[in-house]
PDB file of N, CA and C in Angstrom:
ATOM      1  N   MET A   1     -10.256  28.632 -11.354  1.00  0.00           N
ATOM      2  CA  MET A   1     -10.356  27.498 -10.453  1.00  0.00           C
ATOM      3  C   MET A   1      -9.111  26.637 -10.620  1.00  0.00           C
ATOM      4  N   SER A   2      -8.533  26.197  -9.514  1.00  0.00           N
ATOM      5  CA  SER A   2      -7.308  25.407  -9.581  1.00  0.00           C
ATOM      6  C   SER A   2      -7.617  23.935  -9.830  1.00  0.00           C
ATOM      7  N   GLU A   3      -6.622  23.241 -10.393  1.00  0.00           N
ATOM      8  CA  GLU A   3      -6.733  21.804 -10.612  1.00  0.00           C
ATOM      9  C   GLU A   3      -6.548  21.097  -9.269  1.00  0.00           C
ATOM     10  N   LYS A   4      -7.404  20.128  -9.010  1.00  0.00           N
ATOM     11  CA  LYS A   4      -7.283  19.350  -7.784  1.00  0.00           C
ATOM     12  C   LYS A   4      -6.689  17.991  -8.127  1.00  0.00           C
ATOM     13  N   LEU A   5      -5.720  17.566  -7.352  1.00  0.00           N
ATOM     14  CA  LEU A   5      -5.094  16.264  -7.532  1.00  0.00           C
ATOM     15  C   LEU A   5      -6.135  15.180  -7.268  1.00  0.00           C
ATOM     16  N   PRO A   6      -6.241  14.170  -8.149  1.00  0.00           N
ATOM     17  CA  PRO A   6      -7.193  13.082  -7.896  1.00  0.00           C
ATOM     18  C   PRO A   6      -6.929  12.450  -6.523  1.00  0.00           C
ATOM     19  N   THR A   7      -7.990  12.081  -5.865  1.00  0.00           N
ATOM     20  CA  THR A   7      -7.894  11.568  -4.501  1.00  0.00           C
ATOM     21  C   THR A   7      -6.931  10.398  -4.386  1.00  0.00           C
ATOM     22  N   HIS A   8      -7.005   9.449  -5.309  1.00  0.00           N
ATOM     23  CA  HIS A   8      -6.152   8.261  -5.191  1.00  0.00           C
ATOM     24  C   HIS A   8      -4.671   8.615  -5.273  1.00  0.00           C
ATOM     25  N   LEU A   9      -4.314   9.630  -6.052  1.00  0.00           N
ATOM     26  CA  LEU A   9      -2.910  10.053  -6.129  1.00  0.00           C
ATOM     27  C   LEU A   9      -2.471  10.762  -4.850  1.00  0.00           C
ATOM     28  N   LEU A  10      -3.337  11.610  -4.319  1.00  0.00           N
ATOM     29  CA  LEU A  10      -3.025  12.300  -3.067  1.00  0.00           C
ATOM     30  C   LEU A  10      -2.807  11.292  -1.940  1.00  0.00           C
ATOM     31  N   VAL A  11      -3.703  10.322  -1.836  1.00  0.00           N
ATOM     32  CA  VAL A  11      -3.590   9.323  -0.772  1.00  0.00           C
ATOM     33  C   VAL A  11      -2.288   8.535  -0.918  1.00  0.00           C
ATOM     34  N   SER A  12      -1.990   8.089  -2.125  1.00  0.00           N
ATOM     35  CA  SER A  12      -0.753   7.327  -2.359  1.00  0.00           C
ATOM     36  C   SER A  12       0.483   8.137  -1.979  1.00  0.00           C
ATOM     37  N   ALA A  13       0.500   9.404  -2.365  1.00  0.00           N
ATOM     38  CA  ALA A  13       1.647  10.262  -2.059  1.00  0.00           C
ATOM     39  C   ALA A  13       1.812  10.453  -0.555  1.00  0.00           C
ATOM     40  N   GLN A  14       0.715  10.660   0.152  1.00  0.00           N
ATOM     41  CA  GLN A  14       0.807  10.893   1.594  1.00  0.00           C
ATOM     42  C   GLN A  14       1.198   9.621   2.340  1.00  0.00           C
ATOM     43  N   ILE A  15       0.758   8.470   1.855  1.00  0.00           N
ATOM     44  CA  ILE A  15       1.171   7.203   2.470  1.00  0.00           C
ATOM     45  C   ILE A  15       2.688   7.056   2.368  1.00  0.00           C
ATOM     46  N   ARG A  16       3.234   7.337   1.193  1.00  0.00           N
ATOM     47  CA  ARG A  16       4.687   7.232   1.000  1.00  0.00           C
ATOM     48  C   ARG A  16       5.447   8.242   1.857  1.00  0.00           C
ATOM     49  N   THR A  17       4.966   9.471   1.892  1.00  0.00           N
ATOM     50  CA  THR A  17       5.625  10.521   2.672  1.00  0.00           C
ATOM     51  C   THR A  17       5.667  10.156   4.153  1.00  0.00           C
ATOM     52  N   ALA A  18       4.542   9.717   4.689  1.00  0.00           N
ATOM     53  CA  ALA A  18       4.482   9.357   6.106  1.00  0.00           C
ATOM     54  C   ALA A  18       5.333   8.124   6.402  1.00  0.00           C
ATOM     55  N   ALA A  19       5.326   7.155   5.496  1.00  0.00           N
ATOM     56  CA  ALA A  19       6.104   5.924   5.700  1.00  0.00           C
ATOM     57  C   ALA A  19       7.592   6.228   5.831  1.00  0.00           C
ATOM     58  N   GLN A  20       8.056   7.241   5.113  1.00  0.00           N
ATOM     59  CA  GLN A  20       9.465   7.629   5.204  1.00  0.00           C
ATOM     60  C   GLN A  20       9.827   8.120   6.607  1.00  0.00           C
ATOM     61  N   GLN A  21       8.813   8.545   7.364  1.00  0.00           N
ATOM     62  CA  GLN A  21       9.030   9.016   8.733  1.00  0.00           C
ATOM     63  C   GLN A  21       8.600   7.970   9.769  1.00  0.00           C
ATOM     64  N   GLY A  22       8.286   6.760   9.295  1.00  0.00           N
ATOM     65  CA  GLY A  22       7.894   5.685  10.199  1.00  0.00           C
ATOM     66  C   GLY A  22       6.453   5.737  10.665  1.00  0.00           C
ATOM     67  N   ILE A  23       5.615   6.468   9.945  1.00  0.00           N
ATOM     68  CA  ILE A  23       4.203   6.618  10.305  1.00  0.00           C
ATOM     69  C   ILE A  23       3.354   5.767   9.367  1.00  0.00           C
ATOM     70  N   ALA A  24       2.454   4.978   9.948  1.00  0.00           N
ATOM     71  CA  ALA A  24       1.569   4.126   9.147  1.00  0.00           C
ATOM     72  C   ALA A  24       0.287   4.869   8.796  1.00  0.00           C
ATOM     73  N   ILE A  25      -0.039   4.859   7.514  1.00  0.00           N
ATOM     74  CA  ILE A  25      -1.328   5.352   7.036  1.00  0.00           C
ATOM     75  C   ILE A  25      -1.982   4.192   6.311  1.00  0.00           C
ATOM     76  N   THR A  26      -3.213   3.872   6.715  1.00  0.00           N
ATOM     77  CA  THR A  26      -3.934   2.738   6.156  1.00  0.00           C
ATOM     78  C   THR A  26      -5.221   3.215   5.503  1.00  0.00           C
ATOM     79  N   ILE A  27      -5.501   2.681   4.329  1.00  0.00           N
ATOM     80  CA  ILE A  27      -6.781   2.949   3.671  1.00  0.00           C
ATOM     81  C   ILE A  27      -7.784   1.956   4.247  1.00  0.00           C
ATOM     82  N   ILE A  28      -8.758   2.457   4.979  1.00  0.00           N
ATOM     83  CA  ILE A  28      -9.801   1.611   5.557  1.00  0.00           C
ATOM     84  C   ILE A  28     -10.876   1.331   4.515  1.00  0.00           C
ATOM     85  N   ARG A  29     -11.188   2.350   3.734  1.00  0.00           N
ATOM     86  CA  ARG A  29     -12.188   2.204   2.677  1.00  0.00           C
ATOM     87  C   ARG A  29     -11.835   3.142   1.541  1.00  0.00           C
ATOM     88  N   LYS A  30     -11.843   2.604   0.317  1.00  0.00           N
ATOM     89  CA  LYS A  30     -11.600   3.435  -0.865  1.00  0.00           C
ATOM     90  C   LYS A  30     -12.918   4.022  -1.343  1.00  0.00           C
ATOM     91  N   GLY A  31     -12.859   5.309  -1.669  1.00  0.00           N
ATOM     92  CA  GLY A  31     -14.005   5.981  -2.243  1.00  0.00           C
ATOM     93  C   GLY A  31     -13.770   6.224  -3.721  1.00  0.00           C
ATOM     94  N   ASP A  32     -14.392   7.255  -4.247  1.00  0.00           N
ATOM     95  CA  ASP A  32     -14.219   7.600  -5.652  1.00  0.00           C
ATOM     96  C   ASP A  32     -12.757   7.966  -5.900  1.00  0.00           C
ATOM     97  N   PRO A  33     -12.104   7.311  -6.882  1.00  0.00           N
ATOM     98  CA  PRO A  33     -10.669   7.536  -7.088  1.00  0.00           C
ATOM     99  C   PRO A  33     -10.309   8.937  -7.554  1.00  0.00           C
ATOM    100  N   SER A  34     -11.216   9.604  -8.244  1.00  0.00           N
ATOM    101  CA  SER A  34     -10.854  10.916  -8.780  1.00  0.00           C
ATOM    102  C   SER A  34     -11.287  12.073  -7.889  1.00  0.00           C
ATOM    103  N   SER A  35     -12.446  11.963  -7.257  1.00  0.00           N
ATOM    104  CA  SER A  35     -12.937  13.134  -6.529  1.00  0.00           C
ATOM    105  C   SER A  35     -13.567  12.807  -5.177  1.00  0.00           C
ATOM    106  N   GLY A  36     -13.329  11.621  -4.652  1.00  0.00           N
ATOM    107  CA  GLY A  36     -13.896  11.281  -3.350  1.00  0.00           C
ATOM    108  C   GLY A  36     -13.306  12.137  -2.238  1.00  0.00           C
ATOM    109  N   ALA A  37     -14.158  12.536  -1.310  1.00  0.00           N
ATOM    110  CA  ALA A  37     -13.698  13.295  -0.146  1.00  0.00           C
ATOM    111  C   ALA A  37     -12.966  12.354   0.809  1.00  0.00           C
ATOM    112  N   LEU A  38     -12.197  12.940   1.710  1.00  0.00           N
ATOM    113  CA  LEU A  38     -11.418  12.173   2.677  1.00  0.00           C
ATOM    114  C   LEU A  38     -11.940  12.383   4.088  1.00  0.00           C
ATOM    115  N   LEU A  39     -11.953  11.320   4.862  1.00  0.00           N
ATOM    116  CA  LEU A  39     -12.160  11.388   6.293  1.00  0.00           C
ATOM    117  C   LEU A  39     -10.930  10.755   6.924  1.00  0.00           C
ATOM    118  N   LEU A  40     -10.270  11.511   7.778  1.00  0.00           N
ATOM    119  CA  LEU A  40      -9.057  11.036   8.433  1.00  0.00           C
ATOM    120  C   LEU A  40      -9.355  10.678   9.878  1.00  0.00           C
ATOM    121  N   LYS A  41      -8.961   9.482  10.267  1.00  0.00           N
ATOM    122  CA  LYS A  41      -8.982   9.091  11.679  1.00  0.00           C
ATOM    123  C   LYS A  41      -7.527   9.096  12.126  1.00  0.00           C
ATOM    124  N   ILE A  42      -7.202  10.018  13.012  1.00  0.00           N
ATOM    125  CA  ILE A  42      -5.837  10.103  13.516  1.00  0.00           C
ATOM    126  C   ILE A  42      -5.789   9.361  14.847  1.00  0.00           C
ATOM    127  N   ASN A  43      -5.221   8.176  14.803  1.00  0.00           N
ATOM    128  CA  ASN A  43      -5.113   7.300  15.964  1.00  0.00           C
ATOM    129  C   ASN A  43      -3.834   7.661  16.712  1.00  0.00           C
ATOM    130  N   ARG A  44      -3.982   8.130  17.938  1.00  0.00           N
ATOM    131  CA  ARG A  44      -2.817   8.548  18.728  1.00  0.00           C
ATOM    132  C   ARG A  44      -2.140   7.379  19.449  1.00  0.00           C
ATOM    133  N   LEU A  45      -2.656   6.184  19.246  1.00  0.00           N
ATOM    134  CA  LEU A  45      -2.078   4.963  19.821  1.00  0.00           C
ATOM    135  C   LEU A  45      -2.111   4.959  21.345  1.00  0.00           C
ATOM    136  N   ASP A  46      -3.032   5.750  21.910  1.00  0.00           N
ATOM    137  CA  ASP A  46      -3.215   5.775  23.366  1.00  0.00           C
ATOM    138  C   ASP A  46      -4.676   5.530  23.735  1.00  0.00           C
ATOM    139  N   GLY A  47      -5.442   5.001  22.774  1.00  0.00           N
ATOM    140  CA  GLY A  47      -6.868   4.766  22.999  1.00  0.00           C
ATOM    141  C   GLY A  47      -7.749   5.915  22.556  1.00  0.00           C
ATOM    142  N   THR A  48      -7.128   7.008  22.063  1.00  0.00           N
ATOM    143  CA  THR A  48      -7.904   8.148  21.578  1.00  0.00           C
ATOM    144  C   THR A  48      -7.600   8.409  20.110  1.00  0.00           C
ATOM    145  N   ALA A  49      -8.507   9.135  19.491  1.00  0.00           N
ATOM    146  CA  ALA A  49      -8.349   9.471  18.074  1.00  0.00           C
ATOM    147  C   ALA A  49      -9.044  10.797  17.796  1.00  0.00           C
ATOM    148  N   GLU A  50      -8.680  11.381  16.673  1.00  0.00           N
ATOM    149  CA  GLU A  50      -9.337  12.591  16.179  1.00  0.00           C
ATOM    150  C   GLU A  50      -9.891  12.270  14.805  1.00  0.00           C
ATOM    151  N   ILE A  51     -11.079  12.788  14.516  1.00  0.00           N
ATOM    152  CA  ILE A  51     -11.680  12.637  13.197  1.00  0.00           C
ATOM    153  C   ILE A  51     -11.639  13.991  12.500  1.00  0.00           C
ATOM    154  N   LEU A  52     -11.096  13.995  11.283  1.00  0.00           N
ATOM    155  CA  LEU A  52     -11.068  15.200  10.451  1.00  0.00           C
ATOM    156  C   LEU A  52     -11.819  14.908   9.162  1.00  0.00           C
ATOM    157  N   THR A  53     -12.712  15.809   8.782  1.00  0.00           N
ATOM    158  CA  THR A  53     -13.392  15.681   7.498  1.00  0.00           C
ATOM    159  C   THR A  53     -12.954  16.815   6.587  1.00  0.00           C
ATOM    160  N   GLN A  54     -12.861  16.490   5.326  1.00  0.00           N
ATOM    161  CA  GLN A  54     -12.365  17.418   4.312  1.00  0.00           C
ATOM    162  C   GLN A  54     -13.467  18.362   3.848  1.00  0.00           C
ATOM    163  N   MET A  55     -13.085  19.614   3.658  1.00  0.00           N
ATOM    164  CA  MET A  55     -13.957  20.631   3.062  1.00  0.00           C
ATOM    165  C   MET A  55     -13.110  21.425   2.075  1.00  0.00           C
ATOM    166  N   TRP A  56     -13.771  22.125   1.184  1.00  0.00           N
ATOM    167  CA  TRP A  56     -13.064  23.029   0.262  1.00  0.00           C
ATOM    168  C   TRP A  56     -13.556  24.443   0.497  1.00  0.00           C
ATOM    169  N   MET A  57     -12.608  25.356   0.692  1.00  0.00           N
ATOM    170  CA  MET A  57     -12.901  26.773   0.876  1.00  0.00           C
ATOM    171  C   MET A  57     -12.042  27.567  -0.090  1.00  0.00           C
ATOM    172  N   ASP A  58     -12.678  28.266  -1.010  1.00  0.00           N
ATOM    173  CA  ASP A  58     -11.937  29.076  -1.980  1.00  0.00           C
ATOM    174  C   ASP A  58     -10.836  28.263  -2.651  1.00  0.00           C
ATOM    175  N   ASP A  59     -11.185  27.065  -3.101  1.00  0.00           N
ATOM    176  CA  ASP A  59     -10.259  26.151  -3.784  1.00  0.00           C
ATOM    177  C   ASP A  59      -9.105  25.677  -2.908  1.00  0.00           C
ATOM    178  N   GLU A  60      -9.244  25.778  -1.604  1.00  0.00           N
ATOM    179  CA  GLU A  60      -8.230  25.259  -0.689  1.00  0.00           C
ATOM    180  C   GLU A  60      -8.849  24.187   0.189  1.00  0.00           C
ATOM    181  N   ARG A  61      -8.096  23.110   0.383  1.00  0.00           N
ATOM    182  CA  ARG A  61      -8.553  22.035   1.265  1.00  0.00           C
ATOM    183  C   ARG A  61      -8.389  22.482   2.710  1.00  0.00           C
ATOM    184  N   VAL A  62      -9.436  22.316   3.491  1.00  0.00           N
ATOM    185  CA  VAL A  62      -9.376  22.526   4.939  1.00  0.00           C
ATOM    186  C   VAL A  62     -10.001  21.301   5.598  1.00  0.00           C
ATOM    187  N   TRP A  63      -9.724  21.142   6.869  1.00  0.00           N
ATOM    188  CA  TRP A  63     -10.214  19.995   7.626  1.00  0.00           C
ATOM    189  C   TRP A  63     -11.031  20.480   8.808  1.00  0.00           C
ATOM    190  N   THR A  64     -12.177  19.846   9.015  1.00  0.00           N
ATOM    191  CA  THR A  64     -13.012  20.128  10.169  1.00  0.00           C
ATOM    192  C   THR A  64     -12.762  19.051  11.217  1.00  0.00           C
ATOM    193  N   SER A  65     -12.443  19.466  12.425  1.00  0.00           N
ATOM    194  CA  SER A  65     -12.192  18.525  13.511  1.00  0.00           C
ATOM    195  C   SER A  65     -13.497  18.181  14.209  1.00  0.00           C
ATOM    196  N   HIS A  66     -13.659  16.906  14.517  1.00  0.00           N
ATOM    197  CA  HIS A  66     -14.843  16.436  15.240  1.00  0.00           C
ATOM    198  C   HIS A  66     -14.460  15.962  16.639  1.00  0.00           C
ATOM    199  N   GLY A  67     -13.501  16.604  17.225  1.00  0.00           N
ATOM    200  CA  GLY A  67     -13.054  16.251  18.567  1.00  0.00           C
ATOM    201  C   GLY A  67     -11.651  15.694  18.541  1.00  0.00           C
ATOM    202  N   GLU A  68     -10.773  16.268  19.351  1.00  0.00           N
ATOM    203  CA  GLU A  68      -9.363  15.892  19.314  1.00  0.00           C
ATOM    204  C   GLU A  68      -9.039  14.595  20.028  1.00  0.00           C
ATOM    205  N   HIS A  69      -9.661  14.340  21.143  1.00  0.00           N
ATOM    206  CA  HIS A  69      -9.301  13.164  21.943  1.00  0.00           C
ATOM    207  C   HIS A  69     -10.532  12.299  22.196  1.00  0.00           C
ATOM    208  N   LEU A  70     -11.153  11.846  21.123  1.00  0.00           N
ATOM    209  CA  LEU A  70     -12.303  10.957  21.243  1.00  0.00           C
ATOM    210  C   LEU A  70     -11.824   9.559  21.623  1.00  0.00           C
ATOM    211  N   PRO A  71     -12.619   8.836  22.426  1.00  0.00           N
ATOM    212  CA  PRO A  71     -12.293   7.422  22.601  1.00  0.00           C
ATOM    213  C   PRO A  71     -12.295   6.750  21.222  1.00  0.00           C
ATOM    214  N   GLU A  72     -11.379   5.821  21.008  1.00  0.00           N
ATOM    215  CA  GLU A  72     -11.227   5.240  19.673  1.00  0.00           C
ATOM    216  C   GLU A  72     -12.518   4.614  19.152  1.00  0.00           C
ATOM    217  N   LYS A  73     -13.274   3.944  20.011  1.00  0.00           N
ATOM    218  CA  LYS A  73     -14.540   3.332  19.571  1.00  0.00           C
ATOM    219  C   LYS A  73     -15.531   4.394  19.097  1.00  0.00           C
ATOM    220  N   GLU A  74     -15.557   5.525  19.776  1.00  0.00           N
ATOM    221  CA  GLU A  74     -16.435   6.626  19.374  1.00  0.00           C
ATOM    222  C   GLU A  74     -15.995   7.190  18.022  1.00  0.00           C
ATOM    223  N   ALA A  75     -14.699   7.306  17.828  1.00  0.00           N
ATOM    224  CA  ALA A  75     -14.173   7.789  16.548  1.00  0.00           C
ATOM    225  C   ALA A  75     -14.532   6.820  15.422  1.00  0.00           C
ATOM    226  N   ASP A  76     -14.411   5.517  15.685  1.00  0.00           N
ATOM    227  CA  ASP A  76     -14.774   4.517  14.675  1.00  0.00           C
ATOM    228  C   ASP A  76     -16.252   4.612  14.312  1.00  0.00           C
ATOM    229  N   ALA A  77     -17.108   4.801  15.317  1.00  0.00           N
ATOM    230  CA  ALA A  77     -18.547   4.916  15.066  1.00  0.00           C
ATOM    231  C   ALA A  77     -18.856   6.162  14.245  1.00  0.00           C
ATOM    232  N   LEU A  78     -18.195   7.266  14.554  1.00  0.00           N
ATOM    233  CA  LEU A  78     -18.399   8.503  13.800  1.00  0.00           C
ATOM    234  C   LEU A  78     -17.955   8.330  12.354  1.00  0.00           C
ATOM    235  N   ALA A  79     -16.815   7.678  12.142  1.00  0.00           N
ATOM    236  CA  ALA A  79     -16.326   7.437  10.783  1.00  0.00           C
ATOM    237  C   ALA A  79     -17.298   6.552  10.008  1.00  0.00           C
ATOM    238  N   ALA A  80     -17.796   5.503  10.639  1.00  0.00           N
ATOM    239  CA  ALA A  80     -18.748   4.602   9.977  1.00  0.00           C
ATOM    240  C   ALA A  80     -20.042   5.326   9.630  1.00  0.00           C
ATOM    241  N   GLU A  81     -20.495   6.193  10.523  1.00  0.00           N
ATOM    242  CA  GLU A  81     -21.713   6.966  10.265  1.00  0.00           C
ATOM    243  C   GLU A  81     -21.523   7.886   9.056  1.00  0.00           C
ATOM    244  N   GLN A  82     -20.399   8.592   9.008  1.00  0.00           N
ATOM    245  CA  GLN A  82     -20.126   9.477   7.874  1.00  0.00           C
ATOM    246  C   GLN A  82     -20.050   8.686   6.572  1.00  0.00           C
ATOM    247  N   ALA A  83     -19.415   7.515   6.619  1.00  0.00           N
ATOM    248  CA  ALA A  83     -19.276   6.680   5.424  1.00  0.00           C
ATOM    249  C   ALA A  83     -20.630   6.190   4.928  1.00  0.00           C
ATOM    250  N   SER A  84     -21.570   5.982   5.832  1.00  0.00           N
ATOM    251  CA  SER A  84     -22.893   5.499   5.415  1.00  0.00           C
ATOM    252  C   SER A  84     -23.649   6.540   4.602  1.00  0.00           C
ATOM    253  N   PHE A  85     -23.289   7.818   4.752  1.00  0.00           N
ATOM    254  CA  PHE A  85     -23.939   8.892   4.005  1.00  0.00           C
ATOM    255  C   PHE A  85     -23.316   9.129   2.635  1.00  0.00           C
ATOM    256  N   ASP A  86     -22.068   8.712   2.447  1.00  0.00           N
ATOM    257  CA  ASP A  86     -21.334   9.070   1.230  1.00  0.00           C
ATOM    258  C   ASP A  86     -20.559   7.869   0.686  1.00  0.00           C
ATOM    259  N   PRO A  87     -21.072   7.217  -0.358  1.00  0.00           N
ATOM    260  CA  PRO A  87     -20.374   6.053  -0.912  1.00  0.00           C
ATOM    261  C   PRO A  87     -19.036   6.406  -1.566  1.00  0.00           C
ATOM    262  N   ASP A  88     -18.795   7.673  -1.861  1.00  0.00           N
ATOM    263  CA  ASP A  88     -17.545   8.099  -2.492  1.00  0.00           C
ATOM    264  C   ASP A  88     -16.454   8.457  -1.481  1.00  0.00           C
ATOM    265  N   LEU A  89     -16.791   8.436  -0.200  1.00  0.00           N
ATOM    266  CA  LEU A  89     -15.875   8.856   0.861  1.00  0.00           C
ATOM    267  C   LEU A  89     -14.752   7.844   1.079  1.00  0.00           C
ATOM    268  N   TRP A  90     -13.534   8.366   1.212  1.00  0.00           N
ATOM    269  CA  TRP A  90     -12.371   7.552   1.582  1.00  0.00           C
ATOM    270  C   TRP A  90     -12.211   7.628   3.097  1.00  0.00           C
ATOM    271  N   LEU A  91     -11.992   6.481   3.746  1.00  0.00           N
ATOM    272  CA  LEU A  91     -11.673   6.446   5.170  1.00  0.00           C
ATOM    273  C   LEU A  91     -10.197   6.093   5.313  1.00  0.00           C
ATOM    274  N   ILE A  92      -9.468   6.969   5.946  1.00  0.00           N
ATOM    275  CA  ILE A  92      -8.024   6.825   6.087  1.00  0.00           C
ATOM    276  C   ILE A  92      -7.671   6.848   7.574  1.00  0.00           C
ATOM    277  N   GLU A  93      -6.875   5.882   8.019  1.00  0.00           N
ATOM    278  CA  GLU A  93      -6.411   5.880   9.409  1.00  0.00           C
ATOM    279  C   GLU A  93      -4.918   6.174   9.440  1.00  0.00           C
ATOM    280  N   ILE A  94      -4.565   7.131  10.277  1.00  0.00           N
ATOM    281  CA  ILE A  94      -3.172   7.533  10.468  1.00  0.00           C
ATOM    282  C   ILE A  94      -2.787   7.172  11.899  1.00  0.00           C
ATOM    283  N   GLU A  95      -1.725   6.409  12.061  1.00  0.00           N
ATOM    284  CA  GLU A  95      -1.238   6.056  13.396  1.00  0.00           C
ATOM    285  C   GLU A  95      -0.045   6.945  13.725  1.00  0.00           C
ATOM    286  N   ASP A  96      -0.307   7.967  14.545  1.00  0.00           N
ATOM    287  CA  ASP A  96       0.726   8.952  14.856  1.00  0.00           C
ATOM    288  C   ASP A  96       0.537   9.441  16.289  1.00  0.00           C
ATOM    289  N   LYS A  97       1.477   9.119  17.153  1.00  0.00           N
ATOM    290  CA  LYS A  97       1.398   9.530  18.556  1.00  0.00           C
ATOM    291  C   LYS A  97       1.327  11.047  18.711  1.00  0.00           C
ATOM    292  N   LYS A  98       1.884  11.773  17.747  1.00  0.00           N
ATOM    293  CA  LYS A  98       1.880  13.239  17.803  1.00  0.00           C
ATOM    294  C   LYS A  98       0.586  13.841  17.264  1.00  0.00           C
ATOM    295  N   GLY A  99      -0.291  13.031  16.672  1.00  0.00           N
ATOM    296  CA  GLY A  99      -1.580  13.518  16.201  1.00  0.00           C
ATOM    297  C   GLY A  99      -1.527  14.343  14.931  1.00  0.00           C
ATOM    298  N   ARG A 100      -0.509  14.129  14.101  1.00  0.00           N
ATOM    299  CA  ARG A 100      -0.387  14.902  12.860  1.00  0.00           C
ATOM    300  C   ARG A 100      -1.319  14.346  11.784  1.00  0.00           C
ATOM    301  N   ALA A 101      -1.837  15.239  10.946  1.00  0.00           N
ATOM    302  CA  ALA A 101      -2.795  14.846   9.910  1.00  0.00           C
ATOM    303  C   ALA A 101      -2.121  14.289   8.656  1.00  0.00           C
ATOM    304  N   TRP A 102      -0.948  14.743   8.299  1.00  0.00           N
ATOM    305  CA  TRP A 102      -0.167  14.265   7.154  1.00  0.00           C
ATOM    306  C   TRP A 102      -0.774  14.593   5.799  1.00  0.00           C
ATOM    307  N   PHE A 103      -1.892  15.250   5.734  1.00  0.00           N
ATOM    308  CA  PHE A 103      -2.498  15.648   4.465  1.00  0.00           C
ATOM    309  C   PHE A 103      -2.522  17.167   4.415  1.00  0.00           C
ATOM    310  N   PRO A 104      -2.374  17.746   3.223  1.00  0.00           N
ATOM    311  CA  PRO A 104      -2.335  19.206   3.117  1.00  0.00           C
ATOM    312  C   PRO A 104      -3.660  19.850   3.511  1.00  0.00           C
ATOM    313  N   GLY A 105      -3.562  21.041   4.072  1.00  0.00           N
ATOM    314  CA  GLY A 105      -4.741  21.813   4.446  1.00  0.00           C
ATOM    315  C   GLY A 105      -4.732  22.118   5.932  1.00  0.00           C
ATOM    316  N   LYS A 106      -5.288  23.270   6.277  1.00  0.00           N
ATOM    317  CA  LYS A 106      -5.318  23.651   7.687  1.00  0.00           C
ATOM    318  C   LYS A 106      -6.548  23.051   8.367  1.00  0.00           C
ATOM    319  N   ILE A 107      -6.453  22.912   9.679  1.00  0.00           N
ATOM    320  CA  ILE A 107      -7.556  22.383  10.479  1.00  0.00           C
ATOM    321  C   ILE A 107      -8.326  23.561  11.047  1.00  0.00           C
ATOM    322  N   VAL A 108      -9.639  23.555  10.829  1.00  0.00           N
ATOM    323  CA  VAL A 108     -10.502  24.613  11.351  1.00  0.00           C
ATOM    324  C   VAL A 108     -11.411  24.006  12.413  1.00  0.00           C
ATOM    325  N   GLU A 109     -11.575  24.719  13.495  1.00  0.00           N
ATOM    326  CA  GLU A 109     -12.413  24.226  14.593  1.00  0.00           C
ATOM    327  C   GLU A 109     -13.888  24.511  14.339  1.00  0.00           C
ATOM    328  N   ASP A 110     -14.182  25.656  13.739  1.00  0.00           N
ATOM    329  CA  ASP A 110     -15.574  26.051  13.539  1.00  0.00           C
ATOM    330  C   ASP A 110     -15.791  26.435  12.084  1.00  0.00           C
ATOM    331  N   PRO A 111     -16.221  25.474  11.246  1.00  0.00           N
ATOM    332  CA  PRO A 111     -16.396  25.778   9.827  1.00  0.00           C
ATOM    333  C   PRO A 111     -17.539  26.745   9.551  1.00  0.00           C
ATOM    334  N   SER A 112     -18.412  27.002  10.531  1.00  0.00           N
ATOM    335  CA  SER A 112     -19.526  27.917  10.301  1.00  0.00           C
ATOM    336  C   SER A 112     -19.051  29.350  10.108  1.00  0.00           C
ATOM    337  N   CYS A 113     -17.790  29.629  10.493  1.00  0.00           N
ATOM    338  CA  CYS A 113     -17.270  30.988  10.329  1.00  0.00           C
ATOM    339  C   CYS A 113     -17.003  31.315   8.868  1.00  0.00           C
ATOM    340  N   PHE A 114     -17.079  30.316   7.991  1.00  0.00           N
ATOM    341  CA  PHE A 114     -16.844  30.556   6.576  1.00  0.00           C
ATOM    342  C   PHE A 114     -18.156  30.796   5.917  1.00  0.00           C
TER     343      PHE A 114
END
């Protein structure tokens, strides 16, 4: 089994990496610093957003998409709902017109295939 980087270190590193490219990443809610899962809200700055939730498959981080072009209010409601189920969950907002996730791992459309 591979070592997983603590969540707080991963988040800090990705914030710095994105900032170097002029992309804002904001921590909306901090979860467990060592092993909290991540929920990414990718704000396209056009009134739409994508929600990605983290999963682990064979020791690799993957992301499940919950809709690519959700109205921002709908994305916020979905993020709040997910957070209500998991007190350890980190909520991260990425402001990127190109819709990039900025966190390692591939995006899977249908996690049931695993």
